[in-house]
C-alpha atoms as a PDB file:
ATOM      1  CA  UNK A   1     -41.147  22.621  16.465  1.00  0.00           C
ATOM      2  CA  UNK A   2     -43.446  22.816  18.892  1.00  0.00           C
ATOM      3  CA  UNK A   3     -47.225  23.446  18.204  1.00  0.00           C
ATOM      4  CA  UNK A   4     -50.535  23.904  19.404  1.00  0.00           C
ATOM      5  CA  UNK A   5     -54.226  22.317  18.348  1.00  0.00           C
ATOM      6  CA  UNK A   6     -57.352  22.000  20.048  1.00  0.00           C
ATOM      7  CA  UNK A   7     -61.108  21.084  19.394  1.00  0.00           C
ATOM      8  CA  UNK A   8     -62.293  24.374  21.929  1.00  0.00           C
ATOM      9  CA  UNK A   9     -60.868  26.481  19.169  1.00  0.00           C
ATOM     10  CA  UNK A  10     -63.192  25.812  16.351  1.00  0.00           C
ATOM     11  CA  UNK A  11     -65.766  27.044  18.497  1.00  0.00           C
ATOM     12  CA  UNK A  12     -64.556  31.122  17.581  1.00  0.00           C
ATOM     13  CA  UNK A  13     -63.501  32.587  14.293  1.00  0.00           C
ATOM     14  CA  UNK A  14     -60.824  31.477  12.344  1.00  0.00           C
ATOM     15  CA  UNK A  15     -59.946  35.479  13.275  1.00  0.00           C
ATOM     16  CA  UNK A  16     -59.886  35.183  16.637  1.00  0.00           C
ATOM     17  CA  UNK A  17     -58.251  32.162  17.447  1.00  0.00           C
ATOM     18  CA  UNK A  18     -55.331  32.865  14.742  1.00  0.00           C
ATOM     19  CA  UNK A  19     -54.563  36.412  16.510  1.00  0.00           C
ATOM     20  CA  UNK A  20     -54.465  33.974  20.085  1.00  0.00           C
ATOM     21  CA  UNK A  21     -52.617  31.339  19.046  1.00  0.00           C
ATOM     22  CA  UNK A  22     -49.816  32.737  17.142  1.00  0.00           C
ATOM     23  CA  UNK A  23     -49.141  35.414  20.485  1.00  0.00           C
ATOM     24  CA  UNK A  24     -48.393  31.628  21.943  1.00  0.00           C
ATOM     25  CA  UNK A  25     -46.595  29.291  19.220  1.00  0.00           C
ATOM     26  CA  UNK A  26     -45.312  29.484  15.755  1.00  0.00           C
ATOM     27  CA  UNK A  27     -47.423  26.227  14.484  1.00  0.00           C
ATOM     28  CA  UNK A  28     -50.852  25.691  14.566  1.00  0.00           C
ATOM     29  CA  UNK A  29     -52.618  22.423  13.184  1.00  0.00           C
ATOM     30  CA  UNK A  30     -55.764  23.662  12.402  1.00  0.00           C
ATOM     31  CA  UNK A  31     -58.721  21.396  12.882  1.00  0.00           C
ATOM     32  CA  UNK A  32     -61.191  21.774   9.714  1.00  0.00           C
ATOM     33  CA  UNK A  33     -64.127  21.165  11.793  1.00  0.00           C
ATOM     34  CA  UNK A  34     -66.642  23.722  13.191  1.00  0.00           C
ATOM     35  CA  UNK A  35     -66.010  27.313  12.738  1.00  0.00           C
ATOM     36  CA  UNK A  36     -62.953  26.224  11.573  1.00  0.00           C
ATOM     37  CA  UNK A  37     -64.142  24.066   8.627  1.00  0.00           C
ATOM     38  CA  UNK A  38     -61.452  25.277   5.584  1.00  0.00           C
ATOM     39  CA  UNK A  39     -63.945  24.967   2.389  1.00  0.00           C
ATOM     40  CA  UNK A  40     -65.939  28.261   4.342  1.00  0.00           C
ATOM     41  CA  UNK A  41     -62.845  29.684   5.640  1.00  0.00           C
ATOM     42  CA  UNK A  42     -60.438  29.666   3.326  1.00  0.00           C
ATOM     43  CA  UNK A  43     -60.456  32.786   1.771  1.00  0.00           C
ATOM     44  CA  UNK A  44     -60.540  34.755   4.894  1.00  0.00           C
ATOM     45  CA  UNK A  45     -57.457  32.577   6.554  1.00  0.00           C
ATOM     46  CA  UNK A  46     -55.480  33.456   3.425  1.00  0.00           C
ATOM     47  CA  UNK A  47     -56.706  36.861   3.678  1.00  0.00           C
ATOM     48  CA  UNK A  48     -55.057  37.511   7.335  1.00  0.00           C
ATOM     49  CA  UNK A  49     -52.254  34.896   7.878  1.00  0.00           C
ATOM     50  CA  UNK A  50     -49.299  36.541   6.312  1.00  0.00           C
ATOM     51  CA  UNK A  51     -50.512  39.063   8.423  1.00  0.00           C
ATOM     52  CA  UNK A  52     -48.743  36.436  11.422  1.00  0.00           C
ATOM     53  CA  UNK A  53     -45.424  35.132  11.733  1.00  0.00           C
ATOM     54  CA  UNK A  54     -47.009  31.220  11.546  1.00  0.00           C
ATOM     55  CA  UNK A  55     -46.793  28.000  10.048  1.00  0.00           C
ATOM     56  CA  UNK A  56     -49.720  25.715   9.645  1.00  0.00           C
ATOM     57  CA  UNK A  57     -50.957  22.213   9.195  1.00  0.00           C
ATOM     58  CA  UNK A  58     -53.925  20.477   8.639  1.00  0.00           C
ATOM     59  CA  UNK A  59     -56.369  18.029  10.629  1.00  0.00           C
ATOM     60  CA  UNK A  60     -58.763  16.685   7.465  1.00  0.00           C
ATOM     61  CA  UNK A  61     -62.184  16.627   9.113  1.00  0.00           C
ATOM     62  CA  UNK A  62     -63.706  13.930  11.620  1.00  0.00           C
ATOM     63  CA  UNK A  63     -66.734  14.335  12.531  1.00  0.00           C
ATOM     64  CA  UNK A  64     -68.970  13.038  10.036  1.00  0.00           C
ATOM     65  CA  UNK A  65     -65.874  11.512   7.667  1.00  0.00           C
ATOM     66  CA  UNK A  66     -65.513   7.665   7.732  1.00  0.00           C
ATOM     67  CA  UNK A  67     -62.588   6.216   5.329  1.00  0.00           C
ATOM     68  CA  UNK A  68     -64.161   2.524   6.253  1.00  0.00           C
ATOM     69  CA  UNK A  69     -67.558   3.518   6.113  1.00  0.00           C
ATOM     70  CA  UNK A  70     -69.075   0.134   5.122  1.00  0.00           C
ATOM     71  CA  UNK A  71     -71.786   1.570   2.744  1.00  0.00           C
ATOM     72  CA  UNK A  72     -69.887   2.419  -1.107  1.00  0.00           C
ATOM     73  CA  UNK A  73     -71.065   5.631  -1.360  1.00  0.00           C
ATOM     74  CA  UNK A  74     -70.479   6.698   2.090  1.00  0.00           C
ATOM     75  CA  UNK A  75     -67.214   5.972   1.592  1.00  0.00           C
ATOM     76  CA  UNK A  76     -65.885   7.561  -1.352  1.00  0.00           C
ATOM     77  CA  UNK A  77     -67.642  10.379   0.159  1.00  0.00           C
ATOM     78  CA  UNK A  78     -65.514  10.071   3.014  1.00  0.00           C
ATOM     79  CA  UNK A  79     -61.842   9.654   0.604  1.00  0.00           C
ATOM     80  CA  UNK A  80     -63.461  12.578  -1.263  1.00  0.00           C
ATOM     81  CA  UNK A  81     -63.649  14.850   1.631  1.00  0.00           C
ATOM     82  CA  UNK A  82     -60.231  14.069   2.482  1.00  0.00           C
ATOM     83  CA  UNK A  83     -58.972  14.930  -1.077  1.00  0.00           C
ATOM     84  CA  UNK A  84     -60.680  18.222  -0.949  1.00  0.00           C
ATOM     85  CA  UNK A  85     -58.441  18.878   2.902  1.00  0.00           C
ATOM     86  CA  UNK A  86     -55.207  18.035   1.073  1.00  0.00           C
ATOM     87  CA  UNK A  87     -56.158  20.442  -1.793  1.00  0.00           C
ATOM     88  CA  UNK A  88     -56.609  22.816   0.874  1.00  0.00           C
ATOM     89  CA  UNK A  89     -53.072  22.045   2.158  1.00  0.00           C
ATOM     90  CA  UNK A  90     -51.647  23.092  -1.389  1.00  0.00           C
ATOM     91  CA  UNK A  91     -53.351  26.650  -1.357  1.00  0.00           C
ATOM     92  CA  UNK A  92     -52.051  27.186   2.226  1.00  0.00           C
ATOM     93  CA  UNK A  93     -48.509  25.697   1.134  1.00  0.00           C
ATOM     94  CA  UNK A  94     -49.226  22.928   4.160  1.00  0.00           C
ATOM     95  CA  UNK A  95     -46.679  19.553   3.631  1.00  0.00           C
ATOM     96  CA  UNK A  96     -48.600  17.732   6.499  1.00  0.00           C
ATOM     97  CA  UNK A  97     -52.430  17.012   7.069  1.00  0.00           C
ATOM     98  CA  UNK A  98     -53.358  14.180  10.042  1.00  0.00           C
ATOM     99  CA  UNK A  99     -56.421  12.359   8.869  1.00  0.00           C
ATOM    100  CA  UNK A 100     -58.172   9.839  11.232  1.00  0.00           C
ATOM    101  CA  UNK A 101     -58.514   6.032   9.677  1.00  0.00           C
ATOM    102  CA  UNK A 102     -62.612   5.370  10.467  1.00  0.00           C
ATOM    103  CA  UNK A 103     -64.631   3.610  12.409  1.00  0.00           C
ATOM    104  CA  UNK A 104     -66.601   0.359  12.325  1.00  0.00           C
ATOM    105  CA  UNK A 105     -70.488  -0.420  12.138  1.00  0.00           C
ATOM    106  CA  UNK A 106     -71.789   0.142  16.211  1.00  0.00           C
ATOM    107  CA  UNK A 107     -75.198  -1.575  14.636  1.00  0.00           C
ATOM    108  CA  UNK A 108     -74.188  -4.435  13.016  1.00  0.00           C
ATOM    109  CA  UNK A 109     -71.753  -6.650  15.248  1.00  0.00           C
ATOM    110  CA  UNK A 110     -68.609  -8.474  14.076  1.00  0.00           C
ATOM    111  CA  UNK A 111     -68.350  -6.379  10.823  1.00  0.00           C
ATOM    112  CA  UNK A 112     -65.042  -4.654  12.027  1.00  0.00           C
ATOM    113  CA  UNK A 113     -62.708  -6.617   9.203  1.00  0.00           C
ATOM    114  CA  UNK A 114     -65.134  -5.389   6.877  1.00  0.00           C
ATOM    115  CA  UNK A 115     -64.376  -2.206   7.892  1.00  0.00           C
ATOM    116  CA  UNK A 116     -60.852  -2.191   8.517  1.00  0.00           C
ATOM    117  CA  UNK A 117     -60.528  -3.346   4.281  1.00  0.00           C
ATOM    118  CA  UNK A 118     -62.944  -0.493   3.359  1.00  0.00           C
ATOM    119  CA  UNK A 119     -60.856   1.792   5.408  1.00  0.00           C
ATOM    120  CA  UNK A 120     -57.577   0.266   3.636  1.00  0.00           C
ATOM    121  CA  UNK A 121     -59.319   0.577   0.317  1.00  0.00           C
ATOM    122  CA  UNK A 122     -59.265   4.573   1.468  1.00  0.00           C
ATOM    123  CA  UNK A 123     -55.737   4.650   2.117  1.00  0.00           C
ATOM    124  CA  UNK A 124     -54.572   3.351  -1.017  1.00  0.00           C
ATOM    125  CA  UNK A 125     -56.592   5.974  -2.356  1.00  0.00           C
ATOM    126  CA  UNK A 126     -55.305   9.016  -0.575  1.00  0.00           C
ATOM    127  CA  UNK A 127     -52.146   7.693  -0.807  1.00  0.00           C
ATOM    128  CA  UNK A 128     -51.656   8.243  -4.393  1.00  0.00           C
ATOM    129  CA  UNK A 129     -53.357  11.391  -4.716  1.00  0.00           C
ATOM    130  CA  UNK A 130     -50.838  12.330  -2.046  1.00  0.00           C
ATOM    131  CA  UNK A 131     -48.029  11.707  -4.213  1.00  0.00           C
ATOM    132  CA  UNK A 132     -49.712  13.433  -6.824  1.00  0.00           C
ATOM    133  CA  UNK A 133     -50.271  16.684  -4.609  1.00  0.00           C
ATOM    134  CA  UNK A 134     -46.802  17.018  -2.395  1.00  0.00           C
ATOM    135  CA  UNK A 135     -48.257  16.811   0.588  1.00  0.00           C
ATOM    136  CA  UNK A 136     -47.733  14.269   2.972  1.00  0.00           C
ATOM    137  CA  UNK A 137     -50.357  12.653   4.302  1.00  0.00           C
ATOM    138  CA  UNK A 138     -50.322  10.950   8.362  1.00  0.00           C
ATOM    139  CA  UNK A 139     -52.722   8.588   9.255  1.00  0.00           C
ATOM    140  CA  UNK A 140     -53.450   9.039  13.491  1.00  0.00           C
ATOM    141  CA  UNK A 141     -53.841   6.511  16.038  1.00  0.00           C
ATOM    142  CA  UNK A 142     -56.838   6.140  17.889  1.00  0.00           C
ATOM    143  CA  UNK A 143     -57.950   5.868  21.612  1.00  0.00           C
ATOM    144  CA  UNK A 144     -59.493   3.485  23.333  1.00  0.00           C
ATOM    145  CA  UNK A 145     -62.811   4.116  21.819  1.00  0.00           C
ATOM    146  CA  UNK A 146     -64.507   0.730  21.476  1.00  0.00           C
ATOM    147  CA  UNK A 147     -65.919   1.234  17.342  1.00  0.00           C
ATOM    148  CA  UNK A 148     -62.437   3.318  15.763  1.00  0.00           C
ATOM    149  CA  UNK A 149     -60.337   1.441  13.909  1.00  0.00           C
ATOM    150  CA  UNK A 150     -56.500   2.292  14.036  1.00  0.00           C
ATOM    151  CA  UNK A 151     -56.118   2.051  18.232  1.00  0.00           C
ATOM    152  CA  UNK A 152     -53.159  -1.112  17.641  1.00  0.00           C
ATOM    153  CA  UNK A 153     -49.899  -0.624  15.915  1.00  0.00           C
ATOM    154  CA  UNK A 154     -50.870  -3.947  13.967  1.00  0.00           C
ATOM    155  CA  UNK A 155     -54.080  -1.964  12.979  1.00  0.00           C
ATOM    156  CA  UNK A 156     -52.108   0.670  12.401  1.00  0.00           C
ATOM    157  CA  UNK A 157     -49.027  -1.031  10.275  1.00  0.00           C
ATOM    158  CA  UNK A 158     -52.040  -2.989   8.581  1.00  0.00           C
ATOM    159  CA  UNK A 159     -53.624   0.322   7.241  1.00  0.00           C
ATOM    160  CA  UNK A 160     -50.910   2.346   5.836  1.00  0.00           C
ATOM    161  CA  UNK A 161     -48.732  -1.269   4.376  1.00  0.00           C
ATOM    162  CA  UNK A 162     -48.010  -1.082   1.071  1.00  0.00           C
ATOM    163  CA  UNK A 163     -48.741   3.085   0.708  1.00  0.00           C
ATOM    164  CA  UNK A 164     -46.047   5.960   1.273  1.00  0.00           C
ATOM    165  CA  UNK A 165     -48.186   7.606   3.939  1.00  0.00           C
ATOM    166  CA  UNK A 166     -46.582   8.216   7.599  1.00  0.00           C
ATOM    167  CA  UNK A 167     -48.200   7.809  10.651  1.00  0.00           C
ATOM    168  CA  UNK A 168     -49.442  11.010  13.282  1.00  0.00           C
ATOM    169  CA  UNK A 169     -48.681   8.933  17.005  1.00  0.00           C
ATOM    170  CA  UNK A 170     -50.575  10.332  18.927  1.00  0.00           C
ATOM    171  CA  UNK A 171     -49.209   9.560  22.486  1.00  0.00           C
ATOM    172  CA  UNK A 172     -52.314  10.489  24.710  1.00  0.00           C
ATOM    173  CA  UNK A 173     -54.145   7.489  22.706  1.00  0.00           C
ATOM    174  CA  UNK A 174     -51.016   5.229  22.708  1.00  0.00           C
ATOM    175  CA  UNK A 175     -51.521   5.479  26.692  1.00  0.00           C
ATOM    176  CA  UNK A 176     -54.951   4.317  26.395  1.00  0.00           C
ATOM    177  CA  UNK A 177     -54.942   1.547  24.480  1.00  0.00           C
ATOM    178  CA  UNK A 178     -51.355   0.015  25.908  1.00  0.00           C
ATOM    179  CA  UNK A 179     -49.343   0.838  22.725  1.00  0.00           C
ATOM    180  CA  UNK A 180     -47.032   3.326  23.536  1.00  0.00           C
ATOM    181  CA  UNK A 181     -43.632   1.309  22.768  1.00  0.00           C
ATOM    182  CA  UNK A 182     -45.503  -0.995  20.159  1.00  0.00           C
ATOM    183  CA  UNK A 183     -46.553   1.854  17.731  1.00  0.00           C
ATOM    184  CA  UNK A 184     -42.507   2.788  18.521  1.00  0.00           C
ATOM    185  CA  UNK A 185     -41.492  -0.054  17.866  1.00  0.00           C
ATOM    186  CA  UNK A 186     -43.399  -1.368  14.723  1.00  0.00           C
ATOM    187  CA  UNK A 187     -44.048   2.054  12.994  1.00  0.00           C
ATOM    188  CA  UNK A 188     -41.175   4.329  14.579  1.00  0.00           C
ATOM    189  CA  UNK A 189     -39.612   4.976  11.139  1.00  0.00           C
ATOM    190  CA  UNK A 190     -42.711   6.363   9.557  1.00  0.00           C
ATOM    191  CA  UNK A 191     -43.623   8.686  12.029  1.00  0.00           C
ATOM    192  CA  UNK A 192     -44.662  11.752  10.514  1.00  0.00           C
ATOM    193  CA  UNK A 193     -46.278  14.318  12.898  1.00  0.00           C
ATOM    194  CA  UNK A 194     -46.533  13.990  16.512  1.00  0.00           C
ATOM    195  CA  UNK A 195     -50.104  14.350  18.605  1.00  0.00           C
ATOM    196  CA  UNK A 196     -49.104  15.157  22.371  1.00  0.00           C
ATOM    197  CA  UNK A 197     -51.173  15.692  25.879  1.00  0.00           C
ATOM    198  CA  UNK A 198     -51.663  13.668  28.594  1.00  0.00           C
ATOM    199  CA  UNK A 199     -53.713  11.673  30.851  1.00  0.00           C
ATOM    200  CA  UNK A 200     -54.466   8.009  33.196  1.00  0.00           C
ATOM    201  CA  UNK A 201     -54.540   5.654  30.725  1.00  0.00           C
ATOM    202  CA  UNK A 202     -58.646   5.315  30.387  1.00  0.00           C
ATOM    203  CA  UNK A 203     -60.632   8.198  28.615  1.00  0.00           C
ATOM    204  CA  UNK A 204     -58.894  10.410  25.796  1.00  0.00           C
ATOM    205  CA  UNK A 205     -58.814  13.078  28.215  1.00  0.00           C
ATOM    206  CA  UNK A 206     -56.162  15.488  26.797  1.00  0.00           C
ATOM    207  CA  UNK A 207     -54.922  16.935  30.135  1.00  0.00           C
ATOM    208  CA  UNK A 208     -52.162  19.204  30.619  1.00  0.00           C
ATOM    209  CA  UNK A 209     -48.574  17.584  30.093  1.00  0.00           C
ATOM    210  CA  UNK A 210     -46.806  16.174  33.915  1.00  0.00           C
ATOM    211  CA  UNK A 211     -50.802  15.901  34.619  1.00  0.00           C
ATOM    212  CA  UNK A 212     -51.429  11.834  34.358  1.00  0.00           C
ATOM    213  CA  UNK A 213     -49.468   9.172  34.218  1.00  0.00           C
ATOM    214  CA  UNK A 214     -48.152   9.122  30.858  1.00  0.00           C
ATOM    215  CA  UNK A 215     -43.601   9.225  31.668  1.00  0.00           C
ATOM    216  CA  UNK A 216     -42.596  11.281  28.807  1.00  0.00           C
ATOM    217  CA  UNK A 217     -39.020  10.612  29.591  1.00  0.00           C
ATOM    218  CA  UNK A 218     -38.374   7.136  27.546  1.00  0.00           C
ATOM    219  CA  UNK A 219     -41.097   8.056  25.084  1.00  0.00           C
ATOM    220  CA  UNK A 220     -39.091  10.891  23.667  1.00  0.00           C
ATOM    221  CA  UNK A 221     -35.408   9.089  24.798  1.00  0.00           C
ATOM    222  CA  UNK A 222     -36.683   6.144  21.307  1.00  0.00           C
ATOM    223  CA  UNK A 223     -38.116   9.624  19.602  1.00  0.00           C
ATOM    224  CA  UNK A 224     -34.257  11.569  19.913  1.00  0.00           C
ATOM    225  CA  UNK A 225     -33.963  10.580  15.504  1.00  0.00           C
ATOM    226  CA  UNK A 226     -37.316  12.576  15.040  1.00  0.00           C
ATOM    227  CA  UNK A 227     -37.466  16.314  13.618  1.00  0.00           C
ATOM    228  CA  UNK A 228     -41.062  16.682  13.123  1.00  0.00           C
ATOM    229  CA  UNK A 229     -43.506  18.842  15.126  1.00  0.00           C
ATOM    230  CA  UNK A 230     -44.811  17.734  18.099  1.00  0.00           C
ATOM    231  CA  UNK A 231     -48.579  19.075  18.692  1.00  0.00           C
ATOM    232  CA  UNK A 232     -49.598  19.681  21.430  1.00  0.00           C
ATOM    233  CA  UNK A 233     -53.159  18.720  21.892  1.00  0.00           C
ATOM    234  CA  UNK A 234     -54.903  20.630  24.407  1.00  0.00           C
ATOM    235  CA  UNK A 235     -58.279  21.046  25.488  1.00  0.00           C
ATOM    236  CA  UNK A 236     -57.740  25.373  26.299  1.00  0.00           C
ATOM    237  CA  UNK A 237     -54.998  27.594  24.727  1.00  0.00           C
ATOM    238  CA  UNK A 238     -54.233  28.495  28.270  1.00  0.00           C
ATOM    239  CA  UNK A 239     -53.656  24.293  28.875  1.00  0.00           C
ATOM    240  CA  UNK A 240     -51.346  23.839  25.603  1.00  0.00           C
ATOM    241  CA  UNK A 241     -48.799  26.928  26.796  1.00  0.00           C
ATOM    242  CA  UNK A 242     -48.034  24.974  29.836  1.00  0.00           C
ATOM    243  CA  UNK A 243     -47.968  21.695  28.101  1.00  0.00           C
ATOM    244  CA  UNK A 244     -44.895  24.061  26.154  1.00  0.00           C
ATOM    245  CA  UNK A 245     -43.013  25.092  28.651  1.00  0.00           C
ATOM    246  CA  UNK A 246     -42.860  21.956  30.083  1.00  0.00           C
ATOM    247  CA  UNK A 247     -41.526  20.057  27.393  1.00  0.00           C
ATOM    248  CA  UNK A 248     -39.660  22.664  26.385  1.00  0.00           C
ATOM    249  CA  UNK A 249     -37.410  21.630  29.584  1.00  0.00           C
ATOM    250  CA  UNK A 250     -38.379  17.896  28.594  1.00  0.00           C
ATOM    251  CA  UNK A 251     -36.951  18.309  25.311  1.00  0.00           C
ATOM    252  CA  UNK A 252     -33.433  19.989  26.707  1.00  0.00           C
ATOM    253  CA  UNK A 253     -32.693  16.784  28.724  1.00  0.00           C
END
């Protein structure tokens, strides 16, 4: 299944986005941000969703949520926000939710390992709750942004080791960190969701598939046993539609 997702969708109403996405895709990963922050739009989404032949997954809030926060109260608040997103997944009959690992302090140097330990503690809670709720939480690998946790295969492994959590393998992010093969080799059996988009290996540009320098053929070959979703993360719906056609051709080879 090929789906779509975009932060740019979050600037318009949930109703308008659903109409537009459902015309082109049968799956939409809703990013719970902006006008699509689920606690504020759940009732509206539940009212209109049955009218469309489309399935959903959820991307938990990102902007204000840091599971690796050094401040314990803020870390706990982030975990509660992620748990709330899992509760919303249950209401929407959604089985997959993607979350970010968090980030280290941009102010205090040398505290990355402490932030990673805080994030690891948060993942243990998420793991317990997801099993109680019957949903799958997928931790997403991050791009080459200085303060983000989970940029390498080793960092991702350390965060989910000892849990039942899955990985959201973001191919574009992995290209910026030079970790495409490393993540596949170390965590391939944990992949529960895939984000796919293109770039030139430096910035997280979310280009249309085929417009950057990622060689998708060997990646998709290694993923031949994966039967889950490919979520196109684009800068626009128009770009996602072009990516969809290119990806369908690649998957048929």
